[in-house]
Amino acid sequence: MEQAPPLPGPEAPVWALTDGHAGNVRQALALARALAADTTNVPVREVVLHGRAPWRWWAPRCIPASERAFGPAFARLLRTPPMLAVGCGRQAALATRLLRKRGARAVQILDPRLPARLWDWVVAPAHDGLSGAHIIQVQGSLNEIDDAWLAEARAAFPALGALPGPRTAVLIGGPSAHLAFDVAALDALCAQLDALTAGGALMITASRRTPVAVRERLRQRYARQAAQLWIDEADGDNPYAGMLAWADRIVCTPDSVNMLSEACATRAPVYVFEPQHLGGRPRVFVDALLASGRVRSLAADPAHLSDDFNLEPLRETARVASILRERMGL
């Protein structure tokens, strides 16, 4: 028998709802916490949804008995809706619709593929091309990175601050529908890194999407050379936050909008590896960053790069939260 979580009442006025996928969780929690910061001192309630057939196939469309889409525990939660529900992802879009029908204000992150008027507000990346009365466009994706977050990360990873400069953080993703990234691509990146990082410290982290073959090549090449190398949980706690906080420069593969947005939320110069090979809508986002000067392409001769360019951090979460507080009267 499924055990229901405690029913949140006034003590949990803001919920963040997702399917549990890391990228969706980061965005929903970031915006929910930013909205809750000025309205309540109570922590945001995180709700992880487990969609059931047939409703998960149709989400976010409402079909008969949609209140059963996430099981009896969530059906009970519907009896005491929060003041504000922030969702990210298709499953969450159904949940925020259901909560809105019961009196909650509903903010949905990412294109729900249905009319935005079904929510109070939809927060969508500009590169998706959505516009309308209920839509707020953002550059990239939302995250919690600001100066306070970076200070906490530096305090949590002080050893990285003792590394010799310049400290270069390298954020490696993986292949996607819009980019091929394999061992050959990694070798090309490594050749540029070797020229770029002579005399400084190299800090490298892989992601969940990094292929096994790429992980193995990373370990072969940098187990001794990199000052900090994190491939997977076998390497201990992921120092990703510390790398962002202590980096004098950041190098990113172009595949992840979330990863690039987080890199650009720091005050470090950001270089993108071979952005010309990226396609689809993420390419629109990267091209906008290049045009603004916030990022540069990692050049064929990286040893002669200059870190002197636009370092204005990309911090959309605070801007969106301010807009929503005003428009919803929070």
Protein backbone atom coordinates (compact mmCIF):
# COMPACT_ATOMS: atom_id res chain seq x y z
CA MET A 1 0.00 0.00 0.00
CA GLU A 2 1.35 3.40 -0.98
CA GLN A 3 2.11 5.63 1.98
CA ALA A 4 0.87 9.19 1.63
CA PRO A 5 3.26 12.02 2.48
CA PRO A 6 2.19 14.46 5.16
CA LEU A 7 -0.51 16.78 3.93
CA PRO A 8 0.97 20.27 3.55
CA GLY A 9 -1.15 23.09 4.83
CA PRO A 10 -0.32 26.77 5.37
CA GLU A 11 3.13 25.67 6.57
CA ALA A 12 4.05 24.76 2.96
CA PRO A 13 2.66 27.52 0.74
CA VAL A 14 5.02 26.98 -2.20
CA TRP A 15 5.57 23.64 -3.94
CA ALA A 16 8.11 22.63 -6.58
CA LEU A 17 6.83 19.76 -8.72
CA THR A 18 8.89 17.64 -11.13
CA ASP A 19 9.35 14.12 -12.45
CA GLY A 20 12.62 13.89 -10.51
CA HIS A 21 14.90 14.46 -13.50
CA ALA A 22 17.86 16.55 -12.37
CA GLY A 23 17.48 19.35 -14.92
CA ASN A 24 13.79 19.81 -14.12
CA VAL A 25 14.40 19.64 -10.37
CA ARG A 26 17.06 22.37 -10.50
CA GLN A 27 14.83 24.76 -12.41
CA ALA A 28 11.67 24.21 -10.40
CA LEU A 29 13.43 24.47 -7.04
CA ALA A 30 15.39 27.55 -8.11
CA LEU A 31 12.30 29.51 -9.07
CA ALA A 32 10.15 28.22 -6.21
CA ARG A 33 12.79 29.17 -3.65
CA ALA A 34 13.27 32.58 -5.21
CA LEU A 35 9.52 33.22 -5.07
CA ALA A 36 9.22 31.91 -1.52
CA ALA A 37 12.16 33.99 -0.25
CA ASP A 38 10.18 37.22 -0.05
CA THR A 39 6.81 35.72 0.82
CA THR A 40 7.54 33.15 3.52
CA ASN A 41 10.38 31.88 5.66
CA VAL A 42 9.13 28.30 5.28
CA PRO A 43 11.14 25.95 3.02
CA VAL A 44 9.68 25.04 -0.34
CA ARG A 45 8.03 21.63 -0.48
CA GLU A 46 9.51 19.41 -3.20
CA VAL A 47 7.03 17.00 -4.80
CA VAL A 48 8.39 14.25 -7.05
CA LEU A 49 5.74 12.87 -9.37
CA HIS A 50 5.44 9.29 -10.53
CA GLY A 51 3.11 9.32 -13.51
CA ARG A 52 0.88 6.35 -14.16
CA ALA A 53 -0.56 5.00 -17.39
CA PRO A 54 -2.58 6.13 -19.23
CA TRP A 55 -2.33 9.67 -17.85
CA ARG A 56 1.45 9.96 -18.18
CA TRP A 57 1.10 9.29 -21.92
CA TRP A 58 -1.29 12.22 -22.33
CA ALA A 59 0.24 14.70 -19.90
CA PRO A 60 -0.27 17.59 -19.62
CA ARG A 61 -3.65 17.01 -21.23
CA CYS A 62 -6.45 16.32 -18.80
CA ILE A 63 -8.34 13.13 -19.55
CA PRO A 64 -11.00 11.48 -17.36
CA ALA A 65 -9.89 10.79 -13.79
CA SER A 66 -6.66 12.80 -14.19
CA GLU A 67 -6.56 13.35 -10.44
CA ARG A 68 -5.42 9.71 -10.25
CA ALA A 69 -2.46 10.32 -12.60
CA PHE A 70 0.15 10.30 -9.83
CA GLY A 71 -1.38 7.83 -7.42
CA PRO A 72 -3.48 8.12 -4.25
CA ALA A 73 -0.83 10.08 -2.34
CA PHE A 74 -0.93 12.97 -4.80
CA ALA A 75 -4.71 12.71 -5.03
CA ARG A 76 -4.81 13.37 -1.28
CA LEU A 77 -2.43 16.30 -1.68
CA LEU A 78 -4.93 17.88 -4.07
CA ARG A 79 -7.27 18.38 -1.10
CA THR A 80 -4.95 21.00 0.38
CA PRO A 81 -3.39 22.88 -2.54
CA PRO A 82 -0.57 25.33 -1.89
CA MET A 83 -0.67 29.03 -2.48
CA LEU A 84 1.73 28.61 -5.41
CA ALA A 85 2.74 25.58 -7.50
CA VAL A 86 5.89 25.73 -9.65
CA GLY A 87 6.36 22.86 -12.09
CA CYS A 88 8.97 21.89 -14.64
CA GLY A 89 8.51 19.22 -17.28
CA ARG A 90 5.53 17.59 -18.97
CA GLN A 91 4.37 15.49 -16.00
CA ALA A 92 4.57 18.49 -13.71
CA ALA A 93 2.53 20.50 -16.20
CA LEU A 94 -0.40 18.16 -15.60
CA ALA A 95 0.06 18.38 -11.83
CA THR A 96 0.16 22.18 -11.84
CA ARG A 97 -3.00 22.24 -13.98
CA LEU A 98 -4.78 20.03 -11.46
CA LEU A 99 -3.62 22.19 -8.56
CA ARG A 100 -4.70 25.38 -10.33
CA LYS A 101 -8.21 23.98 -10.70
CA ARG A 102 -8.23 23.66 -6.91
CA GLY A 103 -7.16 27.23 -6.23
CA ALA A 104 -3.36 27.29 -6.42
CA ARG A 105 -1.51 29.80 -8.56
CA ALA A 106 0.38 27.81 -11.18
CA VAL A 107 3.70 28.61 -12.86
CA GLN A 108 4.99 26.14 -15.43
CA ILE A 109 8.61 26.08 -16.63
CA LEU A 110 9.34 24.88 -20.20
CA ASP A 111 6.93 24.70 -23.11
CA PRO A 112 3.90 22.62 -21.99
CA ARG A 113 2.81 22.14 -25.64
CA LEU A 114 -0.64 23.43 -24.76
CA PRO A 115 -2.05 26.99 -24.61
CA ALA A 116 -0.25 28.98 -21.92
CA ARG A 117 -3.55 30.35 -20.60
CA LEU A 118 -4.10 26.98 -18.89
CA TRP A 119 -1.53 28.15 -16.32
CA ASP A 120 -1.12 31.53 -14.67
CA TRP A 121 2.32 31.88 -16.26
CA VAL A 122 4.59 29.80 -18.45
CA VAL A 123 8.34 30.44 -18.22
CA ALA A 124 9.94 29.32 -21.49
CA PRO A 125 13.41 29.61 -23.02
CA ALA A 126 13.64 32.33 -25.66
CA HIS A 127 15.15 29.81 -28.06
CA ASP A 128 11.84 27.91 -28.05
CA GLY A 129 10.21 30.90 -29.75
CA LEU A 130 7.11 31.08 -27.55
CA SER A 131 5.38 34.40 -26.97
CA GLY A 132 2.05 35.57 -25.64
CA ALA A 133 0.19 37.16 -22.78
CA HIS A 134 0.93 34.37 -20.28
CA ILE A 135 4.54 33.71 -21.29
CA ILE A 136 7.79 34.99 -19.77
CA GLN A 137 10.84 34.35 -21.93
CA VAL A 138 14.22 33.56 -20.39
CA GLN A 139 17.70 33.18 -21.79
CA GLY A 140 18.74 29.59 -21.20
CA SER A 141 17.50 27.82 -18.08
CA LEU A 142 16.85 28.78 -14.47
CA ASN A 143 19.22 27.99 -11.60
CA GLU A 144 20.08 29.12 -8.08
CA ILE A 145 23.56 30.47 -8.81
CA ASP A 146 24.21 33.95 -7.45
CA ASP A 147 26.99 35.54 -5.41
CA ALA A 148 25.76 33.96 -2.16
CA TRP A 149 25.59 30.51 -3.80
CA LEU A 150 29.12 30.91 -5.12
CA ALA A 151 30.41 31.99 -1.71
CA GLU A 152 28.87 28.89 -0.11
CA ALA A 153 30.43 26.70 -2.80
CA ARG A 154 33.87 28.22 -2.19
CA ALA A 155 33.49 27.56 1.52
CA ALA A 156 32.45 23.95 0.83
CA PHE A 157 35.46 23.24 -1.43
CA PRO A 158 38.36 25.29 -0.01
CA ALA A 159 41.02 22.97 -1.46
CA LEU A 160 40.15 24.08 -4.98
CA GLY A 161 40.95 27.65 -4.02
CA ALA A 162 44.50 26.62 -3.12
CA LEU A 163 45.20 25.33 -6.64
CA PRO A 164 47.54 27.43 -8.78
CA GLY A 165 45.94 29.82 -11.22
CA PRO A 166 44.60 30.25 -13.66
CA ARG A 167 42.13 27.55 -12.63
CA THR A 168 40.25 26.18 -15.64
CA ALA A 169 37.01 24.32 -14.98
CA VAL A 170 36.00 21.94 -17.79
CA LEU A 171 32.35 20.86 -17.91
CA ILE A 172 31.81 17.85 -20.16
CA GLY A 173 28.37 16.69 -21.21
CA GLY A 174 27.53 14.14 -23.84
CA PRO A 175 25.76 13.45 -27.11
CA SER A 176 22.26 14.76 -27.67
CA ALA A 177 19.71 15.02 -30.45
CA HIS A 178 21.50 18.18 -31.57
CA LEU A 179 25.16 17.23 -31.10
CA ALA A 180 27.41 14.22 -31.57
CA PHE A 181 30.04 13.94 -28.85
CA ASP A 182 32.29 10.89 -28.78
CA VAL A 183 35.89 9.95 -28.02
CA ALA A 184 37.13 11.66 -31.18
CA ALA A 185 35.45 14.90 -30.14
CA LEU A 186 36.94 14.55 -26.67
CA ASP A 187 40.42 14.10 -28.12
CA ALA A 188 39.99 17.32 -30.09
CA LEU A 189 38.91 19.11 -26.91
CA CYS A 190 41.84 17.68 -24.95
CA ALA A 191 44.31 18.99 -27.53
CA GLN A 192 42.93 22.49 -27.01
CA LEU A 193 42.89 22.11 -23.24
CA ASP A 194 46.55 21.08 -23.19
CA ALA A 195 47.47 24.34 -24.94
CA LEU A 196 45.10 26.45 -22.85
CA THR A 197 46.04 25.25 -19.39
CA ALA A 198 49.84 25.25 -19.47
CA GLY A 199 50.99 26.64 -16.12
CA GLY A 200 47.59 26.54 -14.42
CA ALA A 201 45.30 24.02 -12.74
CA LEU A 202 42.79 21.90 -14.62
CA MET A 203 39.49 20.91 -12.97
CA ILE A 204 37.34 18.49 -14.97
CA THR A 205 33.89 17.06 -14.33
CA ALA A 206 31.75 14.73 -16.43
CA SER A 207 27.95 14.57 -16.40
CA ARG A 208 25.33 11.84 -16.23
CA ARG A 209 25.13 11.90 -20.03
CA THR A 210 28.85 11.45 -20.66
CA PRO A 211 29.31 8.11 -22.50
CA VAL A 212 31.32 5.36 -20.83
CA ALA A 213 33.99 5.42 -23.54
CA VAL A 214 34.45 9.16 -23.06
CA ARG A 215 34.69 8.71 -19.29
CA GLU A 216 37.36 6.07 -19.72
CA ARG A 217 39.40 8.26 -22.06
CA LEU A 218 39.12 11.17 -19.62
CA ARG A 219 40.49 9.03 -16.83
CA GLN A 220 43.32 7.76 -19.02
CA ARG A 221 44.38 11.23 -20.09
CA TYR A 222 43.87 13.23 -16.91
CA ALA A 223 44.13 10.93 -13.90
CA ARG A 224 47.60 12.39 -13.25
CA GLN A 225 47.49 15.65 -15.16
CA ALA A 226 44.30 17.26 -13.81
CA ALA A 227 44.41 18.87 -10.39
CA GLN A 228 40.77 17.81 -9.91
CA LEU A 229 39.04 15.06 -11.90
CA TRP A 230 35.51 13.86 -11.21
CA ILE A 231 34.16 11.17 -13.52
CA ASP A 232 31.53 9.46 -11.37
CA GLU A 233 30.62 8.60 -7.78
CA ALA A 234 33.76 6.47 -7.47
CA ASP A 235 35.66 9.76 -7.27
CA GLY A 236 33.78 10.88 -4.17
CA ASP A 237 31.54 13.92 -3.84
CA ASN A 238 30.99 15.82 -7.05
CA PRO A 239 32.94 19.11 -6.79
CA TYR A 240 30.95 20.73 -9.60
CA ALA A 241 29.76 23.64 -7.46
CA GLY A 242 33.27 24.28 -6.18
CA MET A 243 34.65 24.22 -9.70
CA LEU A 244 32.18 26.88 -10.80
CA ALA A 245 32.92 28.99 -7.74
CA TRP A 246 36.73 28.84 -7.93
CA ALA A 247 37.20 28.87 -11.72
CA ASP A 248 39.21 31.64 -13.31
CA ARG A 249 37.76 30.46 -16.63
CA ILE A 250 35.25 27.81 -17.69
CA VAL A 251 35.23 25.58 -20.76
CA CYS A 252 31.96 23.84 -21.69
CA THR A 253 30.81 21.40 -24.30
CA PRO A 254 27.81 22.99 -26.06
CA ASP A 255 25.26 20.20 -25.61
CA SER A 256 23.53 21.26 -22.39
CA VAL A 257 21.54 24.48 -22.03
CA ASN A 258 21.43 23.92 -18.27
CA MET A 259 25.20 23.50 -17.97
CA LEU A 260 25.95 26.55 -20.11
CA SER A 261 23.41 28.64 -18.18
CA GLU A 262 25.06 27.68 -14.89
CA ALA A 263 28.54 28.45 -16.21
CA CYS A 264 27.34 31.84 -17.44
CA ALA A 265 25.74 32.60 -14.06
CA THR A 266 29.24 32.89 -12.58
CA ARG A 267 31.57 35.84 -13.11
CA ALA A 268 34.15 33.77 -14.98
CA PRO A 269 34.81 33.96 -18.73
CA VAL A 270 33.17 31.03 -20.53
CA TYR A 271 34.46 29.25 -23.63
CA VAL A 272 32.34 26.85 -25.69
CA PHE A 273 33.94 23.95 -27.51
CA GLU A 274 33.02 23.75 -31.21
CA PRO A 275 29.61 25.47 -31.03
CA GLN A 276 29.41 25.30 -34.83
CA HIS A 277 28.60 21.59 -34.59
CA LEU A 278 25.51 22.19 -32.46
CA GLY A 279 22.10 22.17 -34.15
CA GLY A 280 18.43 22.73 -33.34
CA ARG A 281 17.00 25.20 -30.88
CA PRO A 282 19.95 24.97 -28.43
CA ARG A 283 22.09 26.48 -31.21
CA VAL A 284 19.86 29.58 -31.07
CA PHE A 285 20.71 29.95 -27.38
CA VAL A 286 24.45 29.49 -27.91
CA ASP A 287 24.44 31.93 -30.83
CA ALA A 288 22.74 34.51 -28.59
CA LEU A 289 25.45 34.04 -25.94
CA LEU A 290 28.14 34.43 -28.57
CA ALA A 291 26.50 37.56 -29.97
CA SER A 292 26.24 39.11 -26.51
CA GLY A 293 29.91 38.41 -25.83
CA ARG A 294 29.14 36.41 -22.68
CA VAL A 295 30.82 33.33 -24.20
CA ARG A 296 33.46 32.78 -26.83
CA SER A 297 34.30 29.85 -29.01
CA LEU A 298 37.33 27.89 -27.90
CA ALA A 299 39.69 28.92 -30.68
CA ALA A 300 41.96 26.70 -32.71
CA ASP A 301 44.91 28.37 -30.96
CA PRO A 302 43.64 28.55 -27.34
CA ALA A 303 47.05 29.45 -25.94
CA HIS A 304 46.48 32.99 -27.25
CA LEU A 305 42.97 33.46 -25.87
CA SER A 306 42.20 36.57 -23.85
CA ASP A 307 39.91 36.28 -20.82
CA ASP A 308 39.06 39.98 -21.12
CA PHE A 309 35.42 40.04 -22.27
CA ASN A 310 31.83 40.40 -21.09
CA LEU A 311 31.61 38.87 -17.60
CA GLU A 312 28.08 40.04 -16.74
CA PRO A 313 26.52 36.97 -15.11
CA LEU A 314 23.42 35.45 -16.70
CA ARG A 315 20.98 35.25 -13.78
CA GLU A 316 17.46 34.87 -15.03
CA THR A 317 15.89 33.33 -11.91
CA ALA A 318 15.90 36.54 -9.87
CA ARG A 319 14.54 38.54 -12.82
CA VAL A 320 11.70 36.09 -13.44
CA ALA A 321 10.85 35.88 -9.73
CA SER A 322 10.62 39.68 -9.58
CA ILE A 323 8.28 39.76 -12.58
CA LEU A 324 6.07 37.03 -11.14
CA ARG A 325 5.86 38.61 -7.68
CA GLU A 326 4.66 41.83 -9.28
CA ARG A 327 2.21 40.25 -11.69
CA MET A 328 0.71 37.83 -9.18
CA GLY A 329 0.71 40.24 -6.25
CA LEU A 330 2.78 37.94 -4.05
